Amino acid sequence: KRNGVGELILDSNGNNRIENYQRYVPDPNAETLIAILLIILGAAIVLGLQWYGKHQKKTV
């Protein structure tokens, strides 16, 4: 996007601004927070199982 003089319009990070583009950040409501917590819980379960499996092989 360009201003009236023809210079590129930059965003707060100094990058070119794209016309008709809006950044979307979801509202921090209960559904969003539950989804984020479930993702973190799932990752923790996977990492915990990998750690447990690694230590089981060493003791057997």
Protein backbone atom coordinates (compact mmCIF):
# COMPACT_ATOMS: atom_id res chain seq x y z
CA LYS A 1 0.00 0.00 0.00
CA ARG A 2 1.28 3.48 -0.83
CA ASN A 3 0.47 6.89 0.58
CA GLY A 4 -0.43 9.98 -1.46
CA VAL A 5 3.24 10.73 -2.27
CA GLY A 6 3.84 7.20 -3.55
CA GLU A 7 5.93 5.98 -0.63
CA LEU A 8 5.27 2.55 0.83
CA ILE A 9 3.27 2.53 4.05
CA LEU A 10 5.03 0.54 6.79
CA ASP A 11 3.57 -1.20 9.82
CA SER A 12 4.94 -0.91 13.36
CA ASN A 13 7.63 -3.53 12.57
CA GLY A 14 8.88 -1.67 9.50
CA ASN A 15 7.40 -4.17 7.04
CA ASN A 16 5.36 -3.20 4.00
CA ARG A 17 1.67 -2.96 4.78
CA ILE A 18 -0.55 -5.25 2.74
CA GLU A 19 -3.82 -3.77 1.53
CA ASN A 20 -7.07 -5.43 2.70
CA TYR A 21 -5.25 -7.61 5.29
CA GLN A 22 -6.36 -7.70 8.91
CA ARG A 23 -4.55 -9.48 11.72
CA TYR A 24 -6.81 -11.73 13.76
CA VAL A 25 -6.32 -12.44 17.44
CA PRO A 26 -9.10 -14.54 18.98
CA ASP A 27 -10.96 -13.18 21.97
CA PRO A 28 -9.72 -14.64 25.27
CA ASN A 29 -13.03 -16.29 26.10
CA ALA A 30 -13.57 -19.63 27.84
CA GLU A 31 -13.59 -21.72 24.64
CA THR A 32 -10.28 -20.30 23.45
CA LEU A 33 -8.62 -20.78 26.83
CA ILE A 34 -9.90 -24.36 27.12
CA ALA A 35 -8.57 -25.16 23.63
CA ILE A 36 -5.14 -23.73 24.47
CA LEU A 37 -5.03 -25.63 27.77
CA LEU A 38 -5.98 -28.90 26.04
CA ILE A 39 -3.21 -28.40 23.47
CA ILE A 40 -0.70 -27.82 26.27
CA LEU A 41 -2.03 -30.85 28.18
CA GLY A 42 -1.75 -33.05 25.09
CA ALA A 43 1.83 -31.94 24.46
CA ALA A 44 2.69 -32.58 28.12
CA ILE A 45 1.24 -36.10 27.92
CA VAL A 46 3.23 -36.91 24.77
CA LEU A 47 6.46 -35.56 26.25
CA GLY A 48 5.81 -37.37 29.53
CA LEU A 49 5.24 -40.68 27.76
CA GLN A 50 8.42 -40.25 25.75
CA TRP A 51 10.39 -39.51 28.92
CA TYR A 52 8.81 -42.49 30.70
CA GLY A 53 9.56 -44.81 27.78
CA LYS A 54 13.17 -43.67 27.62
CA HIS A 55 13.69 -44.35 31.34
CA GLN A 56 11.92 -47.73 31.21
CA LYS A 57 14.39 -49.04 28.61
CA LYS A 58 17.34 -48.12 30.83
CA THR A 59 16.02 -49.93 33.92
CA VAL A 60 15.00 -53.20 32.18
